[in-house]
Amino acid sequence: MKILIVLPQAILSKTEINYQYLFPLGLACIAAILKKAGHTVNGLNLNHRFGTTNKIMHSVLKSSIQYDFICTGGLSTQYNQIK
């Protein structure tokens, strides 16, 4: 299976890339387990991209890779950004 794991934006900025956030190790562990099980796993860190989440996701989903699953996660304080 082809799986995309999306790291949500820690700070919602349309003009700046944010490098000041804590990387969620849980998503990294999940990616490692999925890879070990033989799945193709790609990561998308929204903190390293310009634009809104909707625009970034739209451009990624238009790519030639067709994902079977798209996953995300975060802390409870990030709920409004993730939903």
Protein backbone atom coordinates (compact mmCIF):
# COMPACT_ATOMS: atom_id res chain seq x y z
CA MET A 1 0.00 0.00 0.00
CA LYS A 2 1.04 3.61 -0.57
CA ILE A 3 0.61 5.74 2.53
CA LEU A 4 1.12 9.46 3.05
CA ILE A 5 1.74 10.71 6.58
CA VAL A 6 1.06 14.44 6.96
CA LEU A 7 2.62 16.49 9.76
CA PRO A 8 0.26 19.42 10.48
CA GLN A 9 1.44 23.02 10.60
CA ALA A 10 2.50 24.03 14.10
CA ILE A 11 2.04 27.74 13.39
CA LEU A 12 -0.46 28.79 10.75
CA SER A 13 1.52 31.15 8.53
CA LYS A 14 0.95 31.73 4.85
CA THR A 15 4.17 33.70 4.41
CA GLU A 16 6.82 31.93 6.48
CA ILE A 17 8.23 28.44 6.76
CA ASN A 18 8.31 27.37 10.41
CA TYR A 19 11.24 25.38 11.78
CA GLN A 20 10.44 25.97 15.45
CA TYR A 21 8.21 23.08 16.46
CA LEU A 22 8.51 19.69 18.11
CA PHE A 23 8.49 16.83 15.63
CA PRO A 24 5.97 14.21 16.79
CA LEU A 25 7.97 11.05 17.26
CA GLY A 26 4.78 8.98 17.23
CA LEU A 27 4.32 9.67 13.51
CA ALA A 28 7.93 8.67 12.89
CA CYS A 29 7.39 5.40 14.77
CA ILE A 30 4.24 4.67 12.79
CA ALA A 31 6.10 5.35 9.53
CA ALA A 32 8.91 2.99 10.55
CA ILE A 33 6.49 0.20 11.45
CA LEU A 34 4.60 0.60 8.18
CA LYS A 35 7.84 0.53 6.17
CA LYS A 36 9.00 -2.56 8.02
CA ALA A 37 5.69 -4.21 7.09
CA GLY A 38 6.47 -3.58 3.42
CA HIS A 39 4.35 -0.51 2.72
CA THR A 40 5.49 2.52 0.73
CA VAL A 41 5.41 5.49 3.10
CA ASN A 42 5.91 9.15 2.22
CA GLY A 43 5.94 12.05 4.63
CA LEU A 44 4.66 15.57 4.09
CA ASN A 45 5.76 18.14 6.65
CA LEU A 46 3.46 21.13 6.24
CA ASN A 47 5.82 23.22 8.37
CA HIS A 48 8.30 23.17 5.48
CA ARG A 49 5.87 24.42 2.84
CA PHE A 50 4.39 27.81 1.97
CA GLY A 51 0.63 28.23 1.73
CA THR A 52 -2.52 27.03 3.38
CA THR A 53 -3.04 23.40 4.28
CA ASN A 54 -5.81 23.10 1.67
CA LYS A 55 -3.63 24.44 -1.16
CA ILE A 56 -0.65 22.29 -0.21
CA MET A 57 -2.74 19.13 0.10
CA HIS A 58 -4.51 19.84 -3.19
CA SER A 59 -1.18 20.13 -5.03
CA VAL A 60 0.17 16.94 -3.42
CA LEU A 61 -2.97 14.96 -4.22
CA LYS A 62 -2.78 16.05 -7.88
CA SER A 63 0.66 14.41 -8.16
CA SER A 64 1.24 11.17 -10.00
CA ILE A 65 1.31 9.14 -6.76
CA GLN A 66 -2.09 7.74 -5.82
CA TYR A 67 -2.16 7.05 -2.08
CA ASP A 68 -4.26 4.29 -0.53
CA PHE A 69 -4.27 6.05 2.86
CA ILE A 70 -3.51 9.54 4.10
CA CYS A 71 -2.78 9.79 7.81
CA THR A 72 -2.07 12.62 10.21
CA GLY A 73 -1.76 13.14 13.89
CA GLY A 74 -0.83 15.64 16.52
CA LEU A 75 -1.36 16.84 20.03
CA SER A 76 -4.79 17.68 21.38
CA THR A 77 -3.81 21.36 21.32
CA GLN A 78 -3.52 21.09 17.52
CA TYR A 79 -7.04 19.74 17.04
CA ASN A 80 -8.41 22.86 15.33
CA GLN A 81 -5.53 22.85 12.84
CA ILE A 82 -5.89 19.14 12.08
CA LYS A 83 -9.65 18.92 11.65
